[in-house]
Amino acid sequence: MTNPIDDHSAPATAPHGTARLPGTHFGAPEVLLLLVAAVWGGSYAVTKQVTLQWPVLDFLTLRFGLTFLVLLPALRPLFTAAWRGGLRVGAILGANLLAIFLCETYGITLTSAANAALLISLCVALTPLVEWWLLGHAPSARLWRAVALSILGAGLLSATSAFGRPGLGDALILLAALLRAILVTQTRRLATRHTLPALTLTALQSAVVTLGLLALTLVLRGPHWPVLPTQMSFWGGMAFLVLLCTVFAFFAQNYAAARTSPSRVSLLMGSEPVFGALFAVLWLGEQMTRLSWAGGAVMVLAAWYATRTPKPATA
């Protein structure tokens, strides 16, 4: 099939014939997305620490190269008659993912990890607009209310951050937030153009990102590879980022994005800065104000409100 899904009222058929109405209840896709948000919430500080020990391009190349090697067995479904369609989808989503990680990782190196986690949450507010633009789905009144709550929560969370002095790092994180919104919408839009399992699609995206990074490195620096770090903190952080933040997270996001609406994906992922704050407080010992905690609670409320089942209309 080549036509994008263009009607929220019609059942969306996920890969392998799993049909469900997007946005009707809190199920396995939504639970997976919350787990992804928790994992990604802890990734900002880890990325900050790892990139202090190795250059960004080399770090990203190693991260996605290792991911691709781990997922090599998942490429088996490509050897079918529909492999060309799957490759096209993987190339499109992989290119978007490459742009996201370049902006996000360079942004993290130029601003604080907490600031990055807060700014990236604006993806929640951008996704309904991108979905409206790309899919023609006008957001419902419920969704607009949830988006408003998310923006309010993000504002409260950022009330004590250095938002008054935005720099290049902040701008890159904001661009990454827009690209994230485009990615979840594209994943939904392209879901009917292939029959690949989510893990195979994740492996394809990792391959595209790795090849793109290698090409970029060769153009900018030539065939030079810096000496690998030997610190356990580097390899522990790399294992966390590869196995949880990349392999598990992108498999879960690809699986869930094809089975629920893009706006709900971003609203659930909007709890990421809350988990990031908890990670910072419990692991790094950072302090948060009551206003910041209130913002986190509002964002969790927005995610719950967007995903709860509406009461049936009475005659």
Protein backbone atom coordinates (compact mmCIF):
# COMPACT_ATOMS: atom_id res chain seq x y z
CA MET A 1 0.00 0.00 0.00
CA THR A 2 1.21 3.47 -0.77
CA ASN A 3 -1.47 5.83 0.57
CA PRO A 4 -0.80 7.39 4.00
CA ILE A 5 -3.32 6.91 6.75
CA ASP A 6 -5.55 9.95 6.65
CA ASP A 7 -8.49 9.21 8.94
CA HIS A 8 -8.27 8.92 12.74
CA SER A 9 -11.75 7.43 12.81
CA ALA A 10 -10.73 4.37 10.80
CA PRO A 11 -8.89 1.42 12.37
CA ALA A 12 -5.15 1.65 11.78
CA THR A 13 -3.65 -1.63 10.66
CA ALA A 14 -0.25 -2.18 12.21
CA PRO A 15 2.40 -4.47 10.75
CA HIS A 16 1.41 -8.13 10.69
CA GLY A 17 -2.28 -7.24 10.66
CA THR A 18 -2.60 -6.00 14.24
CA ALA A 19 -5.55 -3.59 14.04
CA ARG A 20 -6.58 -1.12 16.68
CA LEU A 21 -8.19 2.26 16.97
CA PRO A 22 -5.49 4.83 17.66
CA GLY A 23 -6.07 6.86 20.77
CA THR A 24 -8.81 4.74 22.40
CA HIS A 25 -7.17 3.20 25.49
CA PHE A 26 -3.96 2.86 27.45
CA GLY A 27 -2.39 -0.40 26.27
CA ALA A 28 0.94 -2.06 25.54
CA PRO A 29 2.15 0.62 23.05
CA GLU A 30 1.56 3.36 25.63
CA VAL A 31 3.33 1.39 28.39
CA LEU A 32 6.33 0.85 26.09
CA LEU A 33 6.45 4.57 25.34
CA LEU A 34 6.51 5.42 29.05
CA LEU A 35 9.41 2.99 29.53
CA VAL A 36 11.22 4.65 26.62
CA ALA A 37 10.63 8.05 28.23
CA ALA A 38 12.16 6.77 31.48
CA VAL A 39 15.23 5.40 29.70
CA TRP A 40 15.70 8.50 27.58
CA GLY A 41 15.23 10.70 30.65
CA GLY A 42 18.47 9.27 32.02
CA SER A 43 20.33 9.55 28.73
CA TYR A 44 21.14 13.28 28.87
CA ALA A 45 23.58 13.09 31.76
CA VAL A 46 25.13 9.88 30.37
CA THR A 47 25.63 11.47 26.95
CA LYS A 48 27.11 14.57 28.55
CA GLN A 49 29.67 12.46 30.40
CA VAL A 50 30.55 10.20 27.45
CA THR A 51 31.07 13.09 25.01
CA LEU A 52 33.54 14.63 27.45
CA GLN A 53 35.73 11.57 26.79
CA TRP A 54 35.30 11.24 23.00
CA PRO A 55 34.31 13.51 20.05
CA VAL A 56 30.61 13.65 19.15
CA LEU A 57 30.88 12.21 15.60
CA ASP A 58 33.01 9.28 16.76
CA PHE A 59 30.76 8.65 19.75
CA LEU A 60 27.62 8.58 17.58
CA THR A 61 29.29 6.40 14.93
CA LEU A 62 30.35 3.86 17.55
CA ARG A 63 26.95 3.96 19.25
CA PHE A 64 24.93 3.27 16.11
CA GLY A 65 27.55 0.95 14.61
CA LEU A 66 27.34 -1.26 17.71
CA THR A 67 23.56 -1.04 17.59
CA PHE A 68 23.54 -2.23 13.99
CA LEU A 69 25.81 -5.17 14.84
CA VAL A 70 23.54 -6.19 17.71
CA LEU A 71 20.51 -6.05 15.40
CA LEU A 72 22.04 -7.81 12.37
CA PRO A 73 19.89 -10.95 12.87
CA ALA A 74 16.78 -8.75 12.68
CA LEU A 75 17.49 -7.96 8.99
CA ARG A 76 16.30 -11.40 7.91
CA PRO A 77 12.76 -10.20 6.97
CA LEU A 78 14.37 -7.94 4.34
CA PHE A 79 14.99 -10.96 2.10
CA THR A 80 11.46 -10.95 0.74
CA ALA A 81 9.70 -9.58 -2.31
CA ALA A 82 8.87 -6.37 -0.39
CA TRP A 83 12.46 -5.48 0.49
CA ARG A 84 12.56 -2.34 -1.68
CA GLY A 85 9.64 -0.71 0.10
CA GLY A 86 11.20 -1.52 3.46
CA LEU A 87 14.53 -0.04 2.42
CA ARG A 88 12.87 3.19 1.28
CA VAL A 89 11.05 3.58 4.59
CA GLY A 90 14.20 2.76 6.56
CA ALA A 91 16.20 5.29 4.55
CA ILE A 92 13.67 8.09 5.13
CA LEU A 93 13.31 7.46 8.86
CA GLY A 94 17.04 6.84 9.26
CA ALA A 95 17.94 10.15 7.64
CA ASN A 96 15.57 11.94 10.01
CA LEU A 97 17.06 10.07 12.96
CA LEU A 98 20.58 11.07 11.89
CA ALA A 99 19.58 14.75 11.86
CA ILE A 100 17.93 14.41 15.28
CA PHE A 101 20.99 12.91 16.93
CA LEU A 102 23.43 15.35 15.39
CA CYS A 103 21.37 18.30 16.67
CA GLU A 104 20.59 16.73 20.03
CA THR A 105 24.10 15.48 20.86
CA TYR A 106 25.91 18.65 19.80
CA GLY A 107 23.23 20.60 21.68
CA ILE A 108 23.85 18.62 24.89
CA THR A 109 27.56 19.41 24.69
CA LEU A 110 26.77 23.14 24.46
CA THR A 111 24.13 23.40 27.20
CA SER A 112 23.28 21.64 30.46
CA ALA A 113 21.76 18.17 30.49
CA ALA A 114 18.77 19.48 32.46
CA ASN A 115 18.21 22.30 29.97
CA ALA A 116 18.33 19.83 27.08
CA ALA A 117 15.76 17.55 28.74
CA LEU A 118 13.41 20.49 29.29
CA LEU A 119 13.73 21.97 25.81
CA ILE A 120 13.25 18.66 24.00
CA SER A 121 9.86 18.30 25.70
CA LEU A 122 8.50 21.01 23.41
CA CYS A 123 8.22 18.20 20.86
CA VAL A 124 4.87 17.56 22.59
CA ALA A 125 3.50 20.91 21.48
CA LEU A 126 4.97 20.66 17.97
CA THR A 127 3.70 17.18 17.05
CA PRO A 128 -0.03 18.01 16.66
CA LEU A 129 0.93 20.86 14.34
CA VAL A 130 3.24 18.60 12.30
CA GLU A 131 0.53 15.89 12.22
CA TRP A 132 -1.95 18.48 10.97
CA TRP A 133 0.54 19.60 8.31
CA LEU A 134 1.67 16.16 7.08
CA LEU A 135 -1.41 13.99 7.68
CA GLY A 136 -4.21 16.54 7.56
CA HIS A 137 -5.46 15.50 11.01
CA ALA A 138 -6.79 18.55 12.83
CA PRO A 139 -6.19 18.10 16.58
CA SER A 140 -9.29 17.47 18.69
CA ALA A 141 -10.32 19.74 21.53
CA ARG A 142 -9.13 17.12 24.03
CA LEU A 143 -5.72 17.00 22.39
CA TRP A 144 -5.37 20.78 22.37
CA ARG A 145 -6.17 20.83 26.10
CA ALA A 146 -3.53 18.15 26.71
CA VAL A 147 -1.00 20.11 24.64
CA ALA A 148 -1.78 23.25 26.65
CA LEU A 149 -1.16 21.31 29.87
CA SER A 150 2.13 20.01 28.47
CA ILE A 151 3.29 23.52 27.58
CA LEU A 152 2.29 24.76 31.04
CA GLY A 153 4.22 21.90 32.64
CA ALA A 154 7.28 22.59 30.51
CA GLY A 155 7.09 26.25 31.48
CA LEU A 156 6.95 25.43 35.19
CA LEU A 157 9.81 22.94 34.84
CA SER A 158 11.95 25.53 33.10
CA ALA A 159 11.10 28.39 35.47
CA THR A 160 14.41 28.05 37.30
CA SER A 161 16.58 27.20 34.26
CA ALA A 162 18.69 29.55 32.17
CA PHE A 163 16.07 29.98 29.44
CA GLY A 164 16.66 33.70 29.50
CA ARG A 165 20.09 33.19 27.93
CA PRO A 166 19.50 30.84 25.00
CA GLY A 167 22.56 29.88 22.99
CA LEU A 168 23.56 27.63 20.11
CA GLY A 169 23.06 24.51 22.25
CA ASP A 170 19.47 25.54 23.07
CA ALA A 171 18.75 26.27 19.41
CA LEU A 172 20.04 22.83 18.38
CA ILE A 173 17.87 21.12 21.00
CA LEU A 174 14.81 23.05 19.77
CA LEU A 175 15.56 21.93 16.20
CA ALA A 176 15.89 18.34 17.48
CA ALA A 177 12.44 18.69 19.12
CA LEU A 178 10.92 19.71 15.76
CA LEU A 179 12.66 16.81 14.01
CA ARG A 180 11.36 14.41 16.66
CA ALA A 181 7.81 15.59 15.95
CA ILE A 182 8.39 14.98 12.24
CA LEU A 183 9.85 11.51 12.94
CA VAL A 184 6.86 10.19 14.91
CA THR A 185 4.49 11.57 12.28
CA GLN A 186 6.50 10.07 9.43
CA THR A 187 6.58 6.70 11.21
CA ARG A 188 2.80 6.74 11.41
CA ARG A 189 2.45 7.96 7.82
CA LEU A 190 4.74 5.28 6.40
CA ALA A 191 3.36 2.41 8.51
CA THR A 192 1.20 1.13 5.63
CA ARG A 193 4.04 1.17 3.09
CA HIS A 194 5.91 -1.83 4.49
CA THR A 195 5.36 -5.04 6.45
CA LEU A 196 8.68 -5.01 8.31
CA PRO A 197 8.79 -5.88 12.02
CA ALA A 198 9.69 -2.99 14.31
CA LEU A 199 13.08 -4.50 15.16
CA THR A 200 14.01 -4.81 11.47
CA LEU A 201 13.05 -1.18 10.91
CA THR A 202 15.22 -0.18 13.89
CA ALA A 203 18.17 -2.09 12.40
CA LEU A 204 17.70 -0.32 9.05
CA GLN A 205 17.60 3.07 10.74
CA SER A 206 20.78 2.25 12.66
CA ALA A 207 22.52 1.27 9.41
CA VAL A 208 21.47 4.50 7.70
CA VAL A 209 22.64 6.60 10.67
CA THR A 210 26.00 4.77 10.84
CA LEU A 211 26.68 5.14 7.10
CA GLY A 212 25.69 8.82 7.24
CA LEU A 213 28.00 9.46 10.17
CA LEU A 214 30.91 7.65 8.48
CA ALA A 215 30.41 9.71 5.32
CA LEU A 216 30.22 12.93 7.33
CA THR A 217 33.37 12.04 9.28
CA LEU A 218 35.32 11.27 6.09
CA VAL A 219 34.28 14.58 4.55
CA LEU A 220 35.06 16.70 7.62
CA ARG A 221 38.14 14.95 9.01
CA GLY A 222 39.37 12.24 6.69
CA PRO A 223 40.01 8.57 7.55
CA HIS A 224 41.29 9.21 11.06
CA TRP A 225 39.92 7.35 14.08
CA PRO A 226 40.86 8.57 17.58
CA VAL A 227 42.10 6.14 20.22
CA LEU A 228 39.24 4.39 22.01
CA PRO A 229 38.80 5.39 25.67
CA THR A 230 39.60 2.73 28.25
CA GLN A 231 37.57 4.11 31.18
CA MET A 232 34.82 1.85 32.52
CA SER A 233 32.53 4.87 32.80
CA PHE A 234 32.75 5.36 29.03
CA TRP A 235 31.91 1.74 28.18
CA GLY A 236 29.22 1.53 30.87
CA GLY A 237 27.59 4.64 29.43
CA MET A 238 27.95 3.26 25.90
CA ALA A 239 26.26 -0.01 26.93
CA PHE A 240 23.36 1.94 28.49
CA LEU A 241 22.96 4.10 25.38
CA VAL A 242 23.25 1.22 22.88
CA LEU A 243 21.19 -1.48 24.58
CA LEU A 244 18.52 0.58 26.31
CA CYS A 245 18.40 4.03 24.75
CA THR A 246 18.82 2.81 21.17
CA VAL A 247 18.01 -0.90 20.68
CA PHE A 248 15.12 -1.10 23.13
CA ALA A 249 13.91 2.48 22.79
CA PHE A 250 13.73 2.69 18.99
CA PHE A 251 12.24 -0.78 18.70
CA ALA A 252 9.56 0.24 21.21
CA GLN A 253 8.96 3.60 19.52
CA ASN A 254 8.68 2.06 16.04
CA TYR A 255 6.34 -0.62 17.41
CA ALA A 256 4.14 1.86 19.25
CA ALA A 257 4.15 4.66 16.67
CA ALA A 258 2.58 2.32 14.10
CA ARG A 259 -0.19 1.42 16.57
CA THR A 260 -1.22 4.73 18.07
CA SER A 261 -1.49 8.35 16.91
CA PRO A 262 1.64 10.53 16.56
CA SER A 263 0.27 13.10 18.98
CA ARG A 264 -0.26 10.49 21.67
CA VAL A 265 3.28 9.21 21.07
CA SER A 266 4.70 12.67 21.71
CA LEU A 267 2.42 13.37 24.67
CA LEU A 268 3.58 10.18 26.38
CA MET A 269 7.17 10.88 25.43
CA GLY A 270 6.59 14.32 26.93
CA SER A 271 7.07 12.73 30.36
CA GLU A 272 10.76 12.27 29.42
CA PRO A 273 11.91 15.48 31.16
CA VAL A 274 10.13 14.33 34.34
CA PHE A 275 12.11 11.10 34.33
CA GLY A 276 15.20 13.12 33.46
CA ALA A 277 14.63 15.29 36.53
CA LEU A 278 14.17 12.25 38.76
CA PHE A 279 17.36 10.74 37.32
CA ALA A 280 19.26 13.96 37.99
CA VAL A 281 17.99 14.22 41.58
CA LEU A 282 18.44 10.57 42.57
CA TRP A 283 21.66 9.80 40.70
CA LEU A 284 23.45 13.14 40.23
CA GLY A 285 22.19 14.79 43.41
CA GLU A 286 20.78 17.85 41.64
CA GLN A 287 18.23 20.05 43.40
CA MET A 288 14.76 20.96 42.09
CA THR A 289 12.34 23.61 43.33
CA ARG A 290 8.70 23.00 44.21
CA LEU A 291 7.77 24.86 41.04
CA SER A 292 9.78 22.40 38.97
CA TRP A 293 8.14 19.42 40.67
CA ALA A 294 4.75 21.00 39.98
CA GLY A 295 5.66 21.26 36.29
CA GLY A 296 6.54 17.57 36.19
CA ALA A 297 3.21 16.67 37.79
CA VAL A 298 1.33 18.76 35.21
CA MET A 299 3.11 17.00 32.33
CA VAL A 300 2.23 13.58 33.76
CA LEU A 301 -1.37 14.78 34.10
CA ALA A 302 -1.33 15.86 30.44
CA ALA A 303 -0.15 12.41 29.33
CA TRP A 304 -2.87 10.73 31.41
CA TYR A 305 -5.57 13.09 30.12
CA ALA A 306 -4.60 12.50 26.47
CA THR A 307 -4.75 8.71 26.79
CA ARG A 308 -7.73 8.03 29.04
CA THR A 309 -10.77 6.51 27.38
CA PRO A 310 -13.53 9.07 26.69
CA LYS A 311 -16.93 8.28 28.17
CA PRO A 312 -19.48 7.13 25.54
CA ALA A 313 -21.88 9.84 24.45
CA THR A 314 -25.41 9.35 25.77
CA ALA A 315 -28.49 9.77 23.65
